[in-house]
Every structure is written in structure tokens, then in C-alpha cells.
N, C-alpha and C. Protein backbone atom coordinates (compact mmCIF):
# COMPACT_ATOMS: atom_id res chain seq x y z
N MET A 1 1.00 47.41 10.75
CA MET A 1 0.09 46.55 10.02
C MET A 1 -0.61 45.62 11.01
N ASN A 2 -1.92 45.54 10.94
CA ASN A 2 -2.70 44.65 11.78
C ASN A 2 -2.78 43.28 11.13
N THR A 3 -2.62 42.24 11.93
CA THR A 3 -2.79 40.88 11.42
C THR A 3 -3.82 40.16 12.27
N ASN A 4 -4.55 39.30 11.65
CA ASN A 4 -5.54 38.51 12.35
C ASN A 4 -4.88 37.20 12.76
N LYS A 5 -4.68 37.01 14.04
CA LYS A 5 -3.98 35.83 14.55
C LYS A 5 -4.72 34.53 14.22
N GLU A 6 -6.04 34.60 14.08
CA GLU A 6 -6.82 33.40 13.79
C GLU A 6 -6.65 32.92 12.36
N THR A 7 -6.29 33.80 11.44
CA THR A 7 -6.19 33.40 10.05
C THR A 7 -4.75 33.27 9.57
N GLU A 8 -3.77 33.55 10.44
CA GLU A 8 -2.38 33.41 10.03
C GLU A 8 -2.07 31.94 9.80
N THR A 9 -1.25 31.69 8.79
CA THR A 9 -0.82 30.33 8.51
C THR A 9 0.57 30.16 9.09
N LYS A 10 0.67 29.27 10.07
CA LYS A 10 1.97 28.97 10.64
C LYS A 10 1.91 27.58 11.28
N THR A 11 3.09 27.01 11.45
CA THR A 11 3.18 25.70 12.06
C THR A 11 2.90 25.81 13.55
N ARG A 12 2.03 24.92 14.03
CA ARG A 12 1.73 24.90 15.46
C ARG A 12 2.33 23.65 16.08
N THR A 13 2.72 23.77 17.33
CA THR A 13 3.18 22.61 18.07
C THR A 13 2.00 22.05 18.83
N ILE A 14 1.66 20.83 18.55
CA ILE A 14 0.56 20.15 19.21
C ILE A 14 1.15 19.22 20.27
N GLN A 15 0.66 19.32 21.48
CA GLN A 15 1.14 18.47 22.56
C GLN A 15 0.71 17.03 22.34
N ASN A 16 1.60 16.08 22.69
CA ASN A 16 1.30 14.67 22.53
C ASN A 16 0.50 14.12 23.71
N VAL A 17 0.47 14.81 24.82
CA VAL A 17 -0.24 14.33 26.00
C VAL A 17 -1.41 15.26 26.30
N VAL A 18 -2.59 14.69 26.40
CA VAL A 18 -3.79 15.43 26.75
C VAL A 18 -4.43 14.71 27.93
N HIS A 19 -4.52 15.38 29.04
CA HIS A 19 -5.11 14.79 30.25
C HIS A 19 -4.47 13.43 30.58
N HIS A 20 -3.16 13.40 30.62
CA HIS A 20 -2.31 12.27 30.98
C HIS A 20 -2.32 11.10 29.98
N VAL A 21 -2.98 11.23 28.86
CA VAL A 21 -3.00 10.16 27.85
C VAL A 21 -2.26 10.64 26.61
N LYS A 22 -1.32 9.82 26.14
CA LYS A 22 -0.57 10.18 24.94
C LYS A 22 -1.40 9.90 23.68
N ILE A 23 -1.48 10.88 22.82
CA ILE A 23 -2.18 10.73 21.54
C ILE A 23 -1.55 9.60 20.74
N THR A 24 -0.23 9.53 20.75
CA THR A 24 0.45 8.48 19.99
C THR A 24 0.14 7.08 20.52
N ASP A 25 -0.17 6.96 21.81
CA ASP A 25 -0.57 5.65 22.34
C ASP A 25 -1.92 5.24 21.77
N PHE A 26 -2.83 6.19 21.61
CA PHE A 26 -4.14 5.87 21.03
C PHE A 26 -4.01 5.49 19.55
N ILE A 27 -3.21 6.24 18.81
CA ILE A 27 -3.06 5.98 17.38
C ILE A 27 -2.35 4.66 17.15
N GLY A 28 -1.29 4.41 17.92
CA GLY A 28 -0.54 3.17 17.78
C GLY A 28 0.79 3.39 17.11
N ASN A 29 1.35 2.31 16.57
CA ASN A 29 2.69 2.35 15.97
C ASN A 29 2.67 2.50 14.47
N LYS A 30 1.54 2.17 13.86
CA LYS A 30 1.47 2.15 12.39
C LYS A 30 0.12 2.70 11.97
N VAL A 31 0.11 3.44 10.87
CA VAL A 31 -1.13 4.03 10.33
C VAL A 31 -1.23 3.68 8.86
N TRP A 32 -2.45 3.38 8.42
CA TRP A 32 -2.67 3.13 6.99
C TRP A 32 -4.08 3.53 6.62
N PHE A 33 -4.28 3.69 5.32
CA PHE A 33 -5.59 4.03 4.78
C PHE A 33 -6.18 2.78 4.15
N GLY A 34 -7.39 2.44 4.56
CA GLY A 34 -8.08 1.28 3.99
C GLY A 34 -9.12 1.74 2.99
N GLY A 35 -8.70 2.12 1.82
CA GLY A 35 -9.59 2.66 0.81
C GLY A 35 -10.78 1.77 0.48
N ALA A 36 -10.53 0.47 0.45
CA ALA A 36 -11.61 -0.46 0.12
C ALA A 36 -12.58 -0.66 1.28
N VAL A 37 -12.26 -0.10 2.42
CA VAL A 37 -13.09 -0.26 3.62
C VAL A 37 -13.68 1.11 3.99
N ALA A 38 -14.46 1.66 3.10
CA ALA A 38 -15.23 2.90 3.33
C ALA A 38 -14.39 4.13 3.65
N GLY A 39 -13.15 4.15 3.26
CA GLY A 39 -12.34 5.35 3.41
C GLY A 39 -11.84 5.61 4.82
N TYR A 40 -11.61 4.57 5.61
CA TYR A 40 -11.16 4.74 6.98
C TYR A 40 -9.64 4.81 7.07
N ILE A 41 -9.18 5.59 8.04
CA ILE A 41 -7.76 5.64 8.39
C ILE A 41 -7.63 4.85 9.68
N TRP A 42 -6.69 3.90 9.68
CA TRP A 42 -6.53 2.96 10.79
C TRP A 42 -5.20 3.15 11.49
N GLY A 43 -5.19 2.92 12.79
CA GLY A 43 -3.97 2.85 13.57
C GLY A 43 -3.85 1.44 14.12
N GLU A 44 -2.61 1.00 14.36
CA GLU A 44 -2.39 -0.33 14.90
C GLU A 44 -1.51 -0.26 16.12
N SER A 45 -1.98 -0.82 17.23
CA SER A 45 -1.22 -0.79 18.48
C SER A 45 -0.05 -1.76 18.43
N THR A 46 0.81 -1.67 19.47
CA THR A 46 1.94 -2.59 19.56
C THR A 46 1.48 -4.03 19.71
N TYR A 47 0.24 -4.24 20.12
CA TYR A 47 -0.31 -5.59 20.29
C TYR A 47 -1.00 -6.10 19.03
N GLY A 48 -0.97 -5.31 17.95
CA GLY A 48 -1.58 -5.73 16.70
C GLY A 48 -3.07 -5.47 16.59
N VAL A 49 -3.61 -4.68 17.53
CA VAL A 49 -5.03 -4.36 17.52
C VAL A 49 -5.26 -3.12 16.65
N SER A 50 -6.21 -3.21 15.72
CA SER A 50 -6.52 -2.09 14.82
C SER A 50 -7.59 -1.20 15.43
N GLN A 51 -7.44 0.10 15.22
CA GLN A 51 -8.39 1.09 15.73
C GLN A 51 -8.64 2.11 14.63
N MET A 52 -9.91 2.33 14.27
CA MET A 52 -10.20 3.37 13.31
C MET A 52 -9.92 4.72 13.98
N ILE A 53 -9.11 5.54 13.32
CA ILE A 53 -8.79 6.85 13.90
C ILE A 53 -9.32 8.01 13.05
N GLY A 54 -9.84 7.71 11.88
CA GLY A 54 -10.38 8.78 11.05
C GLY A 54 -11.07 8.24 9.81
N GLU A 55 -11.73 9.13 9.12
CA GLU A 55 -12.45 8.77 7.90
C GLU A 55 -12.31 9.91 6.90
N VAL A 56 -12.03 9.57 5.66
CA VAL A 56 -11.96 10.59 4.61
C VAL A 56 -13.38 10.88 4.15
N ARG A 57 -13.78 12.13 4.27
CA ARG A 57 -15.12 12.55 3.91
C ARG A 57 -15.03 13.52 2.73
N GLY A 58 -16.15 14.08 2.36
CA GLY A 58 -16.16 15.07 1.29
C GLY A 58 -16.42 14.51 -0.09
N TRP A 59 -17.10 13.36 -0.15
CA TRP A 59 -17.35 12.72 -1.43
C TRP A 59 -18.05 13.64 -2.41
N GLY A 60 -19.02 14.42 -1.95
CA GLY A 60 -19.74 15.33 -2.84
C GLY A 60 -18.81 16.32 -3.50
N ALA A 61 -17.92 16.90 -2.71
CA ALA A 61 -16.96 17.86 -3.25
C ALA A 61 -15.94 17.18 -4.15
N ILE A 62 -15.49 16.00 -3.73
CA ILE A 62 -14.48 15.28 -4.53
C ILE A 62 -15.03 14.90 -5.90
N GLN A 63 -16.23 14.34 -5.95
CA GLN A 63 -16.74 13.90 -7.26
C GLN A 63 -16.96 15.08 -8.20
N ASN A 64 -17.26 16.25 -7.65
CA ASN A 64 -17.44 17.43 -8.50
C ASN A 64 -16.14 17.92 -9.12
N LEU A 65 -15.01 17.45 -8.61
CA LEU A 65 -13.72 17.77 -9.22
C LEU A 65 -13.51 17.01 -10.54
N PHE A 66 -14.32 15.97 -10.76
CA PHE A 66 -14.11 15.08 -11.90
C PHE A 66 -15.33 14.99 -12.80
N LYS A 67 -15.91 16.16 -13.09
CA LYS A 67 -17.05 16.21 -14.01
C LYS A 67 -16.55 16.14 -15.45
N ASN A 68 -17.25 15.37 -16.24
CA ASN A 68 -16.98 15.30 -17.67
C ASN A 68 -17.65 16.50 -18.35
N LYS A 69 -17.31 16.74 -19.61
CA LYS A 69 -17.89 17.87 -20.34
C LYS A 69 -19.40 17.80 -20.43
N ASP A 70 -19.95 16.59 -20.42
CA ASP A 70 -21.41 16.44 -20.51
C ASP A 70 -22.11 16.56 -19.14
N GLY A 71 -21.31 16.82 -18.09
CA GLY A 71 -21.88 16.98 -16.75
C GLY A 71 -21.89 15.72 -15.91
N SER A 72 -21.61 14.58 -16.54
CA SER A 72 -21.55 13.33 -15.77
C SER A 72 -20.26 13.31 -14.95
N ILE A 73 -20.19 12.38 -14.03
CA ILE A 73 -19.03 12.27 -13.14
C ILE A 73 -18.19 11.06 -13.54
N ASP A 74 -16.89 11.24 -13.58
CA ASP A 74 -15.97 10.12 -13.77
C ASP A 74 -15.68 9.55 -12.38
N PHE A 75 -16.51 8.59 -11.97
CA PHE A 75 -16.44 8.05 -10.62
C PHE A 75 -15.13 7.33 -10.33
N LYS A 76 -14.55 6.69 -11.33
CA LYS A 76 -13.27 5.99 -11.13
C LYS A 76 -12.19 7.00 -10.73
N LYS A 77 -12.13 8.12 -11.42
CA LYS A 77 -11.13 9.14 -11.08
C LYS A 77 -11.40 9.72 -9.70
N ALA A 78 -12.67 9.94 -9.38
CA ALA A 78 -13.02 10.48 -8.07
C ALA A 78 -12.64 9.49 -6.96
N GLU A 79 -12.91 8.22 -7.17
CA GLU A 79 -12.53 7.19 -6.19
C GLU A 79 -11.02 7.12 -6.02
N ASP A 80 -10.30 7.17 -7.14
CA ASP A 80 -8.84 7.15 -7.08
C ASP A 80 -8.30 8.36 -6.31
N PHE A 81 -8.92 9.53 -6.53
CA PHE A 81 -8.51 10.73 -5.82
C PHE A 81 -8.76 10.58 -4.31
N GLN A 82 -9.95 10.09 -3.95
CA GLN A 82 -10.26 9.92 -2.53
C GLN A 82 -9.29 8.94 -1.88
N ASP A 83 -8.95 7.87 -2.57
CA ASP A 83 -7.98 6.92 -2.05
C ASP A 83 -6.60 7.56 -1.90
N GLY A 84 -6.21 8.37 -2.89
CA GLY A 84 -4.94 9.07 -2.81
C GLY A 84 -4.90 10.06 -1.65
N LEU A 85 -6.00 10.76 -1.45
CA LEU A 85 -6.10 11.71 -0.34
C LEU A 85 -5.98 10.98 1.00
N GLY A 86 -6.69 9.88 1.14
CA GLY A 86 -6.62 9.10 2.38
C GLY A 86 -5.22 8.58 2.65
N ALA A 87 -4.57 8.07 1.61
CA ALA A 87 -3.20 7.57 1.76
C ALA A 87 -2.25 8.70 2.13
N TRP A 88 -2.46 9.88 1.55
CA TRP A 88 -1.62 11.05 1.84
C TRP A 88 -1.76 11.46 3.31
N ILE A 89 -2.99 11.48 3.81
CA ILE A 89 -3.24 11.86 5.21
C ILE A 89 -2.64 10.80 6.15
N ALA A 90 -2.85 9.53 5.84
CA ALA A 90 -2.29 8.46 6.66
C ALA A 90 -0.77 8.54 6.70
N ASP A 91 -0.16 8.83 5.56
CA ASP A 91 1.30 8.96 5.49
C ASP A 91 1.77 10.13 6.35
N ALA A 92 1.04 11.24 6.33
CA ALA A 92 1.42 12.39 7.15
C ALA A 92 1.35 12.05 8.64
N ILE A 93 0.33 11.31 9.04
CA ILE A 93 0.21 10.89 10.44
C ILE A 93 1.36 9.94 10.79
N GLN A 94 1.67 9.01 9.89
CA GLN A 94 2.77 8.07 10.12
C GLN A 94 4.09 8.82 10.29
N GLN A 95 4.33 9.83 9.47
CA GLN A 95 5.55 10.62 9.59
C GLN A 95 5.61 11.33 10.94
N LYS A 96 4.48 11.84 11.40
CA LYS A 96 4.41 12.50 12.70
C LYS A 96 4.71 11.51 13.82
N LEU A 97 4.17 10.28 13.72
CA LEU A 97 4.46 9.25 14.72
C LEU A 97 5.96 8.96 14.78
N GLU A 98 6.57 8.82 13.61
CA GLU A 98 8.00 8.52 13.56
C GLU A 98 8.82 9.67 14.13
N LYS A 99 8.41 10.90 13.86
CA LYS A 99 9.10 12.06 14.41
C LYS A 99 8.99 12.09 15.94
N GLU A 100 7.79 11.78 16.46
CA GLU A 100 7.59 11.74 17.92
C GLU A 100 8.48 10.69 18.57
N ARG A 101 8.69 9.57 17.90
CA ARG A 101 9.51 8.49 18.47
C ARG A 101 10.97 8.90 18.61
N THR A 102 11.43 9.78 17.74
CA THR A 102 12.84 10.17 17.75
C THR A 102 13.12 11.37 18.64
N GLN A 103 12.10 11.95 19.22
CA GLN A 103 12.30 13.13 20.08
C GLN A 103 12.49 12.72 21.52
């Protein structure tokens, strides 16, 4: 059976150091989603300095998930979903940071 290596779903190991700089040093010690601040994902260094590390995009696709029967959009539900998605991604990054610390 032939398999396409590019489309296989499997866990990959991502190196923490790229060109002598640790990814975890850039992200910091803590990650959170600032939903009220344009959907940004933030990292915080050991010195308390905040750095934007990502942004939740896809508003057009997200709002189309919450169409009412009359074709209008339930924007509150769409906003809540986008905030939930951002928090979920930030939590996943935080878990990865914690795992890296224990290795």
C-alpha cells in the first residue's frame, strides 16, 4: 500500500532550539489569550514583559458557523467561539511550555 508522507497524520517532534535561540525563551513562561484585545495570544517573559506571539484569525469562517435560519449572523456566539478557540490554543502552548520545563 502506498502512503503519502505529506498527508499522514502523526505527532511530530519539534526542536526547541532554532539557530541557537530557544523557542521557549521567546514565548516566555506564561501564555494567555487576550480576547478583548483583538484576539491576540500573548507570552510573558520571566521579567514580566509581554510579547504578542500569535493572533486568532478566520473571522469570516467563524461567523459563518453561527448563521441564523434567516441568514443573519449571531455575532455573540461567533465572538464567544473565537474567544474559546484562542483560549484553547493558548492553553495548548502553555501545556507544551510546561512539558518542555520538565524534560
